[in-house]
N, C-alpha and C. Protein backbone atom coordinates (compact mmCIF):
# COMPACT_ATOMS: atom_id res chain seq x y z
N MET A 1 0.79 -1.17 0.00
CA MET A 1 0.00 0.00 0.00
C MET A 1 0.85 1.25 0.00
N PRO A 2 0.32 2.17 -0.70
CA PRO A 2 1.14 3.37 -0.77
C PRO A 2 0.94 4.23 0.46
N GLU A 3 1.91 4.93 0.80
CA GLU A 3 1.85 5.86 1.91
C GLU A 3 1.12 7.10 1.50
N SER A 4 0.52 7.73 2.49
CA SER A 4 -0.21 8.94 2.15
C SER A 4 0.77 10.02 1.77
N SER A 5 0.39 10.83 0.96
CA SER A 5 1.25 11.87 0.47
C SER A 5 0.87 13.23 1.02
N PHE A 6 0.07 13.20 2.08
CA PHE A 6 -0.34 14.49 2.66
C PHE A 6 0.81 15.03 3.49
N PRO A 7 0.95 16.35 3.53
CA PRO A 7 2.02 16.91 4.35
C PRO A 7 1.70 16.74 5.84
N ARG A 8 2.64 16.66 6.67
CA ARG A 8 2.48 16.51 8.11
C ARG A 8 2.08 17.85 8.70
N ASP A 9 1.22 17.77 9.68
CA ASP A 9 0.84 18.98 10.41
C ASP A 9 0.90 18.71 11.91
N ARG A 10 0.42 19.61 12.72
CA ARG A 10 0.54 19.48 14.17
C ARG A 10 -0.31 18.37 14.74
N PHE A 11 -1.35 17.92 14.07
CA PHE A 11 -2.22 16.87 14.57
C PHE A 11 -1.59 15.48 14.38
N ASP A 12 -0.60 15.40 13.57
CA ASP A 12 0.06 14.12 13.37
C ASP A 12 1.04 13.80 14.50
N ASP A 13 1.39 14.79 15.32
CA ASP A 13 2.36 14.60 16.37
C ASP A 13 1.73 14.42 17.74
N LEU A 14 0.57 13.92 17.87
CA LEU A 14 -0.10 13.73 19.16
C LEU A 14 0.42 12.47 19.83
N PRO A 15 0.57 12.53 21.13
CA PRO A 15 1.02 11.33 21.82
C PRO A 15 -0.12 10.29 21.82
N GLU A 16 0.20 9.04 21.80
CA GLU A 16 -0.79 7.98 21.70
C GLU A 16 -1.43 7.65 23.05
N ASP A 17 -0.90 7.94 24.18
CA ASP A 17 -1.49 7.63 25.47
C ASP A 17 -2.02 8.87 26.16
N GLY A 18 -2.33 9.90 25.52
CA GLY A 18 -2.76 11.16 26.10
C GLY A 18 -4.21 11.19 26.52
N GLY A 19 -5.01 10.25 26.12
CA GLY A 19 -6.43 10.24 26.47
C GLY A 19 -7.23 11.16 25.57
N ARG A 20 -8.36 11.51 26.01
CA ARG A 20 -9.23 12.35 25.20
C ARG A 20 -8.73 13.79 25.23
N ILE A 21 -8.92 14.42 24.17
CA ILE A 21 -8.61 15.83 24.07
C ILE A 21 -9.82 16.47 23.42
N GLY A 22 -10.29 17.58 24.01
CA GLY A 22 -11.41 18.29 23.42
C GLY A 22 -12.49 18.57 24.47
N ALA A 23 -13.70 18.94 24.01
CA ALA A 23 -14.77 19.40 24.87
C ALA A 23 -15.75 18.30 25.25
N HIS A 24 -15.37 17.06 25.18
CA HIS A 24 -16.27 15.97 25.56
C HIS A 24 -16.28 15.84 27.07
N ARG A 25 -17.51 15.80 27.63
CA ARG A 25 -17.64 15.66 29.08
C ARG A 25 -18.44 14.40 29.37
N ALA A 26 -18.04 13.71 30.36
CA ALA A 26 -18.76 12.49 30.75
C ALA A 26 -19.90 12.85 31.71
N GLU A 27 -20.98 12.01 31.74
CA GLU A 27 -22.09 12.22 32.67
C GLU A 27 -21.61 12.00 34.09
N GLN A 28 -22.31 12.65 35.04
CA GLN A 28 -22.01 12.42 36.46
C GLN A 28 -23.05 11.44 36.97
N PRO A 29 -22.75 10.18 37.05
CA PRO A 29 -23.76 9.17 37.34
C PRO A 29 -24.40 9.30 38.72
N HIS A 30 -23.72 9.77 39.77
CA HIS A 30 -24.32 9.88 41.09
C HIS A 30 -25.35 11.00 41.15
N LEU A 31 -25.17 12.10 40.47
CA LEU A 31 -26.14 13.19 40.45
C LEU A 31 -27.37 12.81 39.64
N HIS A 32 -27.21 12.10 38.60
CA HIS A 32 -28.30 11.72 37.73
C HIS A 32 -29.29 10.78 38.45
N GLY A 33 -28.85 9.88 39.30
CA GLY A 33 -29.71 8.94 40.02
C GLY A 33 -30.64 9.65 41.00
N TRP A 34 -30.12 10.59 41.80
CA TRP A 34 -30.96 11.31 42.76
C TRP A 34 -31.95 12.24 42.06
N THR A 35 -31.55 12.85 41.00
CA THR A 35 -32.46 13.73 40.25
C THR A 35 -33.62 12.92 39.69
N LEU A 36 -33.30 11.77 39.13
CA LEU A 36 -34.33 10.92 38.57
C LEU A 36 -35.29 10.45 39.67
N PHE A 37 -34.77 10.07 40.84
CA PHE A 37 -35.61 9.64 41.97
C PHE A 37 -36.52 10.78 42.45
N PHE A 38 -35.94 11.99 42.57
CA PHE A 38 -36.73 13.14 43.02
C PHE A 38 -37.89 13.42 42.08
N TRP A 39 -37.64 13.46 40.77
CA TRP A 39 -38.71 13.76 39.81
C TRP A 39 -39.76 12.65 39.79
N ALA A 40 -39.33 11.41 39.95
CA ALA A 40 -40.29 10.30 39.99
C ALA A 40 -41.16 10.39 41.24
N ALA A 41 -40.56 10.71 42.40
CA ALA A 41 -41.33 10.85 43.63
C ALA A 41 -42.30 12.02 43.54
N ALA A 42 -41.84 13.15 43.01
CA ALA A 42 -42.71 14.33 42.87
C ALA A 42 -43.89 14.02 41.94
N ALA A 43 -43.62 13.34 40.84
CA ALA A 43 -44.69 13.00 39.90
C ALA A 43 -45.69 12.03 40.55
N THR A 44 -45.20 11.08 41.38
CA THR A 44 -46.08 10.14 42.06
C THR A 44 -47.00 10.86 43.04
N VAL A 45 -46.44 11.80 43.82
CA VAL A 45 -47.25 12.55 44.79
C VAL A 45 -48.30 13.39 44.07
N VAL A 46 -47.90 14.09 43.03
CA VAL A 46 -48.86 14.94 42.29
C VAL A 46 -49.96 14.10 41.66
N LEU A 47 -49.61 12.99 41.04
CA LEU A 47 -50.63 12.14 40.41
C LEU A 47 -51.56 11.51 41.44
N THR A 48 -51.03 11.16 42.63
CA THR A 48 -51.87 10.60 43.68
C THR A 48 -52.88 11.64 44.18
N ILE A 49 -52.41 12.86 44.43
CA ILE A 49 -53.31 13.93 44.89
C ILE A 49 -54.38 14.23 43.86
N VAL A 50 -54.00 14.32 42.61
CA VAL A 50 -54.97 14.60 41.55
C VAL A 50 -55.97 13.45 41.44
N GLY A 51 -55.51 12.21 41.57
CA GLY A 51 -56.41 11.05 41.49
C GLY A 51 -57.41 11.01 42.63
N VAL A 52 -56.94 11.29 43.86
CA VAL A 52 -57.84 11.30 45.02
C VAL A 52 -58.87 12.41 44.87
N PHE A 53 -58.43 13.60 44.48
CA PHE A 53 -59.35 14.72 44.30
C PHE A 53 -60.39 14.41 43.22
N ALA A 54 -59.94 13.85 42.10
CA ALA A 54 -60.87 13.53 41.01
C ALA A 54 -61.87 12.47 41.45
N THR A 55 -61.42 11.49 42.22
CA THR A 55 -62.33 10.45 42.70
C THR A 55 -63.38 11.04 43.64
N MET A 56 -62.97 11.96 44.50
CA MET A 56 -63.93 12.57 45.43
C MET A 56 -64.93 13.46 44.70
N VAL A 57 -64.50 14.13 43.66
CA VAL A 57 -65.42 14.96 42.88
C VAL A 57 -66.42 14.07 42.15
N VAL A 58 -65.94 13.00 41.54
CA VAL A 58 -66.82 12.11 40.78
C VAL A 58 -67.81 11.41 41.70
N SER A 59 -67.38 11.02 42.91
CA SER A 59 -68.27 10.32 43.83
C SER A 59 -69.22 11.26 44.56
N GLY A 60 -69.04 12.56 44.41
CA GLY A 60 -69.96 13.53 45.01
C GLY A 60 -69.60 13.94 46.42
N ARG A 61 -68.43 13.57 46.91
CA ARG A 61 -68.05 13.97 48.26
C ARG A 61 -67.56 15.40 48.31
N ILE A 62 -67.09 15.90 47.20
CA ILE A 62 -66.67 17.30 47.11
C ILE A 62 -67.46 17.93 45.98
N GLU A 63 -68.04 19.08 46.23
CA GLU A 63 -68.74 19.82 45.18
C GLU A 63 -67.92 21.02 44.80
N LEU A 64 -67.64 21.15 43.53
CA LEU A 64 -66.83 22.28 43.08
C LEU A 64 -67.62 23.59 43.15
N ALA A 65 -68.89 23.52 42.88
CA ALA A 65 -69.75 24.71 42.98
C ALA A 65 -70.98 24.32 43.79
N PRO A 66 -70.89 24.36 45.13
CA PRO A 66 -72.03 23.92 45.93
C PRO A 66 -73.23 24.83 45.74
N GLU A 67 -74.41 24.20 45.78
CA GLU A 67 -75.64 24.96 45.65
C GLU A 67 -75.92 25.69 46.96
N PRO A 68 -76.40 26.90 46.90
CA PRO A 68 -76.69 27.61 48.15
C PRO A 68 -77.85 26.93 48.88
N GLU A 69 -77.74 26.89 50.20
CA GLU A 69 -78.80 26.28 51.00
C GLU A 69 -80.02 27.19 50.99
N PRO A 70 -81.20 26.58 50.84
CA PRO A 70 -82.41 27.41 50.84
C PRO A 70 -82.65 28.01 52.22
N THR A 71 -83.07 29.23 52.21
CA THR A 71 -83.38 29.89 53.48
C THR A 71 -84.83 29.57 53.84
N ILE A 72 -85.01 29.24 55.08
CA ILE A 72 -86.34 28.88 55.56
C ILE A 72 -86.91 30.09 56.29
N THR A 73 -88.03 30.54 55.81
CA THR A 73 -88.67 31.67 56.47
C THR A 73 -89.76 31.13 57.38
N ALA A 74 -89.75 31.60 58.57
CA ALA A 74 -90.73 31.13 59.56
C ALA A 74 -92.10 31.72 59.25
N THR A 75 -93.08 30.86 59.25
CA THR A 75 -94.44 31.30 59.05
C THR A 75 -94.98 31.79 60.39
N PRO A 76 -95.44 33.02 60.43
CA PRO A 76 -95.91 33.52 61.71
C PRO A 76 -97.13 32.73 62.19
N VAL A 77 -97.05 32.31 63.42
CA VAL A 77 -98.17 31.58 64.02
C VAL A 77 -99.11 32.61 64.65
N PRO A 78 -100.36 32.55 64.27
CA PRO A 78 -101.28 33.51 64.86
C PRO A 78 -101.39 33.27 66.37
N THR A 79 -101.23 34.33 67.09
CA THR A 79 -101.31 34.20 68.54
C THR A 79 -102.73 34.50 68.99
N VAL A 80 -103.15 33.76 69.97
CA VAL A 80 -104.49 33.93 70.53
C VAL A 80 -104.33 34.66 71.86
N GLU A 81 -105.05 35.72 72.02
CA GLU A 81 -105.00 36.48 73.27
C GLU A 81 -105.86 35.80 74.33
N PRO A 82 -105.33 35.63 75.53
CA PRO A 82 -106.12 35.02 76.59
C PRO A 82 -107.33 35.89 76.96
N ALA A 83 -108.43 35.23 77.22
CA ALA A 83 -109.65 35.94 77.62
C ALA A 83 -110.36 35.12 78.71
N VAL A 84 -110.64 35.76 79.81
CA VAL A 84 -111.38 35.10 80.88
C VAL A 84 -112.86 35.12 80.51
N ASP A 85 -113.41 33.93 80.24
CA ASP A 85 -114.80 33.80 79.81
C ASP A 85 -115.52 32.90 80.81
N THR A 86 -116.35 33.51 81.64
CA THR A 86 -117.03 32.77 82.70
C THR A 86 -118.26 32.00 82.20
N ALA A 87 -118.51 32.02 80.89
CA ALA A 87 -119.63 31.27 80.34
C ALA A 87 -119.29 29.78 80.23
N TYR A 88 -118.04 29.43 80.33
CA TYR A 88 -117.62 28.03 80.24
C TYR A 88 -117.80 27.31 81.57
N GLN A 89 -118.13 26.04 81.49
CA GLN A 89 -118.11 25.20 82.68
C GLN A 89 -116.67 24.76 82.89
N VAL A 90 -116.25 24.62 84.16
CA VAL A 90 -114.86 24.26 84.47
C VAL A 90 -114.86 23.02 85.33
N LEU A 91 -114.08 22.03 84.89
CA LEU A 91 -113.87 20.81 85.66
C LEU A 91 -112.42 20.82 86.13
N ILE A 92 -112.22 20.70 87.44
CA ILE A 92 -110.87 20.71 88.01
C ILE A 92 -110.59 19.33 88.59
N LEU A 93 -109.52 18.69 88.11
CA LEU A 93 -109.15 17.35 88.57
C LEU A 93 -107.78 17.39 89.22
N ASN A 94 -107.69 16.84 90.40
CA ASN A 94 -106.42 16.78 91.13
C ASN A 94 -105.73 15.47 90.77
N ALA A 95 -104.62 15.55 90.03
CA ALA A 95 -103.87 14.36 89.63
C ALA A 95 -102.56 14.29 90.40
N THR A 96 -102.60 14.70 91.67
CA THR A 96 -101.43 14.67 92.54
C THR A 96 -101.80 13.95 93.83
N PRO A 97 -100.80 13.55 94.63
CA PRO A 97 -101.13 12.92 95.91
C PRO A 97 -101.55 13.92 96.99
N LYS A 98 -101.43 15.22 96.73
CA LYS A 98 -101.79 16.23 97.73
C LYS A 98 -103.32 16.39 97.77
N GLU A 99 -103.90 16.21 98.94
CA GLU A 99 -105.35 16.32 99.08
C GLU A 99 -105.77 17.78 99.21
N GLY A 100 -106.95 18.09 98.68
CA GLY A 100 -107.52 19.43 98.81
C GLY A 100 -107.04 20.41 97.76
N LEU A 101 -106.17 19.99 96.88
CA LEU A 101 -105.63 20.90 95.86
C LEU A 101 -106.70 21.32 94.86
N ALA A 102 -107.59 20.41 94.50
CA ALA A 102 -108.67 20.75 93.56
C ALA A 102 -109.62 21.77 94.18
N THR A 103 -109.91 21.65 95.46
CA THR A 103 -110.80 22.60 96.14
C THR A 103 -110.15 23.97 96.22
N GLN A 104 -108.87 24.01 96.52
CA GLN A 104 -108.17 25.30 96.56
C GLN A 104 -108.20 25.98 95.20
N THR A 105 -107.99 25.20 94.14
CA THR A 105 -108.02 25.77 92.79
C THR A 105 -109.43 26.21 92.43
N LYS A 106 -110.44 25.47 92.88
CA LYS A 106 -111.83 25.87 92.63
C LYS A 106 -112.10 27.24 93.25
N ASP A 107 -111.61 27.47 94.46
CA ASP A 107 -111.80 28.77 95.12
C ASP A 107 -111.18 29.90 94.31
N VAL A 108 -110.01 29.64 93.71
CA VAL A 108 -109.35 30.66 92.88
C VAL A 108 -110.19 30.96 91.64
N VAL A 109 -110.74 29.91 91.01
CA VAL A 109 -111.57 30.09 89.81
C VAL A 109 -112.86 30.82 90.17
N LEU A 110 -113.48 30.49 91.31
CA LEU A 110 -114.70 31.19 91.74
C LEU A 110 -114.39 32.66 92.01
N GLY A 111 -113.22 32.94 92.53
CA GLY A 111 -112.82 34.33 92.80
C GLY A 111 -112.62 35.13 91.52
N ALA A 112 -112.41 34.45 90.40
CA ALA A 112 -112.22 35.14 89.12
C ALA A 112 -113.55 35.43 88.42
N GLY A 113 -114.69 35.01 89.03
CA GLY A 113 -115.97 35.39 88.45
C GLY A 113 -116.86 34.24 88.03
N TRP A 114 -116.43 33.01 88.08
CA TRP A 114 -117.29 31.88 87.71
C TRP A 114 -118.31 31.62 88.82
N SER A 115 -119.46 31.12 88.43
CA SER A 115 -120.47 30.78 89.44
C SER A 115 -120.15 29.37 89.96
N SER A 116 -120.57 29.12 91.20
CA SER A 116 -120.25 27.83 91.84
C SER A 116 -120.94 26.66 91.13
N SER A 117 -122.02 26.92 90.40
CA SER A 117 -122.70 25.83 89.68
C SER A 117 -121.93 25.43 88.41
N ASP A 118 -121.03 26.30 87.94
CA ASP A 118 -120.28 26.00 86.71
C ASP A 118 -118.89 25.43 86.98
N VAL A 119 -118.48 25.33 88.24
CA VAL A 119 -117.13 24.84 88.56
C VAL A 119 -117.27 23.59 89.41
N THR A 120 -116.63 22.51 88.96
CA THR A 120 -116.66 21.24 89.68
C THR A 120 -115.22 20.83 89.98
N ALA A 121 -114.99 20.39 91.22
CA ALA A 121 -113.65 19.93 91.61
C ALA A 121 -113.73 18.47 92.02
N GLY A 122 -112.68 17.72 91.71
CA GLY A 122 -112.66 16.31 92.07
C GLY A 122 -111.26 15.72 91.93
N GLU A 123 -111.17 14.45 92.22
CA GLU A 123 -109.89 13.74 92.14
C GLU A 123 -109.79 13.05 90.78
N ALA A 124 -108.59 13.02 90.24
CA ALA A 124 -108.35 12.34 88.96
C ALA A 124 -108.08 10.86 89.23
N GLY A 125 -108.03 10.08 88.18
CA GLY A 125 -107.80 8.64 88.30
C GLY A 125 -106.36 8.29 88.61
N SER A 126 -105.44 9.25 88.49
CA SER A 126 -104.03 8.97 88.80
C SER A 126 -103.48 10.09 89.66
N GLN A 127 -102.33 9.85 90.25
CA GLN A 127 -101.71 10.86 91.10
C GLN A 127 -100.29 11.19 90.64
N ASP A 128 -100.01 10.98 89.37
CA ASP A 128 -98.66 11.22 88.87
C ASP A 128 -98.63 12.03 87.58
N PHE A 129 -99.60 12.92 87.41
CA PHE A 129 -99.65 13.78 86.23
C PHE A 129 -98.55 14.83 86.37
N ALA A 130 -97.72 15.00 85.37
CA ALA A 130 -96.50 15.82 85.52
C ALA A 130 -96.77 17.32 85.57
N GLU A 131 -97.48 17.86 84.59
CA GLU A 131 -97.59 19.32 84.46
C GLU A 131 -99.06 19.74 84.38
N THR A 132 -99.41 20.74 85.14
CA THR A 132 -100.78 21.25 85.15
C THR A 132 -101.15 21.70 83.74
N THR A 133 -102.33 21.24 83.28
CA THR A 133 -102.75 21.50 81.90
C THR A 133 -104.22 21.85 81.88
N VAL A 134 -104.58 22.83 81.03
CA VAL A 134 -105.97 23.19 80.78
C VAL A 134 -106.32 22.62 79.41
N TYR A 135 -107.34 21.77 79.36
CA TYR A 135 -107.77 21.14 78.12
C TYR A 135 -109.02 21.83 77.60
N TYR A 136 -109.07 22.02 76.27
CA TYR A 136 -110.24 22.59 75.61
C TYR A 136 -110.56 21.75 74.39
N LEU A 137 -111.80 21.86 73.89
CA LEU A 137 -112.25 20.99 72.81
C LEU A 137 -112.04 21.60 71.42
N ASP A 138 -112.57 22.78 71.18
CA ASP A 138 -112.53 23.38 69.84
C ASP A 138 -111.54 24.53 69.78
N ALA A 139 -111.12 24.87 68.58
CA ALA A 139 -110.14 25.95 68.39
C ALA A 139 -110.67 27.29 68.91
N GLU A 140 -111.99 27.50 68.81
CA GLU A 140 -112.54 28.77 69.30
C GLU A 140 -112.54 28.85 70.83
N ASP A 141 -112.26 27.73 71.49
CA ASP A 141 -112.19 27.72 72.96
C ASP A 141 -110.79 28.04 73.48
N GLU A 142 -109.82 28.20 72.59
CA GLU A 142 -108.43 28.38 73.02
C GLU A 142 -108.23 29.65 73.84
N ALA A 143 -108.85 30.75 73.44
CA ALA A 143 -108.68 32.01 74.18
C ALA A 143 -109.20 31.87 75.60
N ALA A 144 -110.34 31.21 75.77
CA ALA A 144 -110.89 31.01 77.12
C ALA A 144 -109.99 30.07 77.93
N ALA A 145 -109.42 29.05 77.27
CA ALA A 145 -108.51 28.13 77.97
C ALA A 145 -107.25 28.86 78.42
N LEU A 146 -106.73 29.75 77.58
CA LEU A 146 -105.56 30.54 77.96
C LEU A 146 -105.88 31.47 79.13
N GLY A 147 -107.08 32.05 79.10
CA GLY A 147 -107.50 32.91 80.21
C GLY A 147 -107.62 32.13 81.51
N LEU A 148 -108.21 30.92 81.45
CA LEU A 148 -108.33 30.09 82.65
C LEU A 148 -106.95 29.64 83.14
N ALA A 149 -106.03 29.38 82.22
CA ALA A 149 -104.66 29.00 82.60
C ALA A 149 -104.00 30.12 83.39
N GLU A 150 -104.26 31.35 82.99
CA GLU A 150 -103.71 32.49 83.75
C GLU A 150 -104.37 32.61 85.12
N VAL A 151 -105.68 32.35 85.17
CA VAL A 151 -106.42 32.46 86.44
C VAL A 151 -105.86 31.48 87.47
N VAL A 152 -105.57 30.25 87.05
CA VAL A 152 -105.09 29.24 88.00
C VAL A 152 -103.59 29.37 88.28
N GLY A 153 -102.99 30.41 87.77
CA GLY A 153 -101.59 30.66 88.09
C GLY A 153 -100.60 30.12 87.08
N GLY A 154 -101.00 30.02 85.85
CA GLY A 154 -100.10 29.55 84.80
C GLY A 154 -100.18 28.06 84.62
N ALA A 155 -100.55 27.64 83.43
CA ALA A 155 -100.65 26.21 83.13
C ALA A 155 -100.45 26.03 81.64
N ARG A 156 -100.14 24.84 81.26
CA ARG A 156 -100.03 24.49 79.85
C ARG A 156 -101.43 24.37 79.29
N VAL A 157 -101.62 24.67 78.01
CA VAL A 157 -102.93 24.60 77.37
C VAL A 157 -102.83 23.62 76.21
N GLU A 158 -103.83 22.72 76.11
CA GLU A 158 -103.80 21.70 75.06
C GLU A 158 -105.21 21.42 74.57
N GLN A 159 -105.33 21.26 73.25
CA GLN A 159 -106.63 20.92 72.66
C GLN A 159 -106.80 19.40 72.68
N SER A 160 -107.89 18.94 73.29
CA SER A 160 -108.15 17.51 73.41
C SER A 160 -109.62 17.29 73.76
N ASP A 161 -110.14 16.12 73.38
CA ASP A 161 -111.52 15.80 73.73
C ASP A 161 -111.59 14.75 74.84
N VAL A 162 -110.48 14.48 75.51
CA VAL A 162 -110.41 13.43 76.53
C VAL A 162 -111.32 13.72 77.71
N TYR A 163 -111.32 14.94 78.21
CA TYR A 163 -112.05 15.26 79.44
C TYR A 163 -113.36 15.99 79.18
N GLN A 164 -113.91 15.92 78.00
CA GLN A 164 -115.11 16.67 77.68
C GLN A 164 -116.36 15.95 78.19
N ALA A 165 -117.24 16.72 78.77
CA ALA A 165 -118.50 16.18 79.30
C ALA A 165 -119.49 15.99 78.15
N ALA A 166 -120.42 15.10 78.34
CA ALA A 166 -121.43 14.83 77.32
C ALA A 166 -122.66 15.69 77.55
N VAL A 167 -122.47 16.96 77.90
CA VAL A 167 -123.58 17.87 78.16
C VAL A 167 -123.81 18.68 76.88
N GLU A 168 -125.00 18.60 76.35
CA GLU A 168 -125.35 19.31 75.12
C GLU A 168 -125.46 20.80 75.38
N GLY A 169 -124.94 21.61 74.46
CA GLY A 169 -125.12 23.04 74.51
C GLY A 169 -124.22 23.78 75.48
N SER A 170 -123.27 23.11 76.10
CA SER A 170 -122.37 23.83 77.00
C SER A 170 -120.93 23.48 76.65
N SER A 171 -120.06 24.44 76.85
CA SER A 171 -118.64 24.23 76.59
C SER A 171 -117.95 24.04 77.92
N GLN A 172 -116.96 23.17 77.92
CA GLN A 172 -116.27 22.87 79.18
C GLN A 172 -114.76 23.01 78.99
N LEU A 173 -114.13 23.55 80.01
CA LEU A 173 -112.67 23.59 80.10
C LEU A 173 -112.29 22.69 81.27
N THR A 174 -111.25 21.92 81.12
CA THR A 174 -110.83 20.99 82.17
C THR A 174 -109.42 21.34 82.61
N VAL A 175 -109.25 21.52 83.93
CA VAL A 175 -107.94 21.78 84.50
C VAL A 175 -107.50 20.50 85.21
N VAL A 176 -106.38 19.93 84.75
CA VAL A 176 -105.80 18.76 85.41
C VAL A 176 -104.56 19.25 86.15
N LEU A 177 -104.63 19.19 87.48
CA LEU A 177 -103.53 19.68 88.31
C LEU A 177 -102.43 18.62 88.36
N GLY A 178 -101.19 19.06 88.07
CA GLY A 178 -100.07 18.14 88.02
C GLY A 178 -99.14 18.27 89.20
N LEU A 179 -98.09 17.47 89.18
CA LEU A 179 -97.12 17.44 90.27
C LEU A 179 -96.38 18.77 90.42
N ASP A 180 -96.39 19.60 89.38
CA ASP A 180 -95.75 20.92 89.50
C ASP A 180 -96.50 21.81 90.49
N ARG A 181 -97.72 21.44 90.90
CA ARG A 181 -98.50 22.24 91.84
C ARG A 181 -98.30 21.84 93.30
N ILE A 182 -97.59 20.77 93.55
CA ILE A 182 -97.44 20.32 94.94
C ILE A 182 -96.67 21.37 95.76
N GLU A 183 -95.67 21.99 95.18
CA GLU A 183 -94.86 22.99 95.92
C GLU A 183 -95.60 24.31 96.05
N GLN A 184 -96.42 24.65 95.06
CA GLN A 184 -97.14 25.92 95.15
C GLN A 184 -98.62 25.63 95.30
N SER A 185 -99.25 26.40 96.11
CA SER A 185 -100.69 26.19 96.27
C SER A 185 -101.41 27.24 95.42
N PRO A 186 -102.52 26.90 94.78
CA PRO A 186 -103.21 27.84 93.89
C PRO A 186 -103.66 29.11 94.59
N SER A 187 -103.91 29.04 95.88
CA SER A 187 -104.37 30.25 96.57
C SER A 187 -103.23 31.26 96.72
N ALA A 188 -101.97 30.78 96.64
CA ALA A 188 -100.83 31.68 96.74
C ALA A 188 -100.47 32.28 95.39
N THR A 189 -101.07 31.76 94.33
CA THR A 189 -100.76 32.26 93.00
C THR A 189 -101.61 33.47 92.70
N PRO A 190 -101.00 34.50 92.13
CA PRO A 190 -101.79 35.70 91.85
C PRO A 190 -102.78 35.45 90.73
N SER A 191 -103.97 35.96 90.87
CA SER A 191 -104.95 35.86 89.80
C SER A 191 -105.03 37.22 89.12
N PRO A 192 -105.35 37.25 87.83
CA PRO A 192 -105.37 38.50 87.08
C PRO A 192 -106.49 39.41 87.49
């Protein structure tokens, strides 16, 4: 083979064991491993958070635009003014173990203007009634029941037909004295 006929230059005189010469750089393998791990961990955390959030939105546990709660407006309840109406018959029942309580309450009712023929006092079938209550039959009797409740010194008022007498043409209010009256006597209660 023929020898090359090119003239010699400075690149022909390079030493053979000199290694690489030039701008070639090798990778840094220890830095590359941690960087790769960091980006993989960050991507895993972000994808997990996005997946959990998306699952909660799809399942309805999180609402992106919640509907406003409806406001509830209270319907005014018509109030009935108490009125003392002596045209009603009154039945007073003592549902406590204290004797004479019905008679004491009858005296208070008679003092408020009822006639003695329209007020009856007696013992109830039980002695453990909790709260003194005035019972009335019809809605138009509520004002008179409230008035009688004030006369006897404050009582709960309830519409019921349990204690109504079978007397035609007359309206009756029934006062059932409860255990709340044992400490206070009706004669000590102020009447209006």
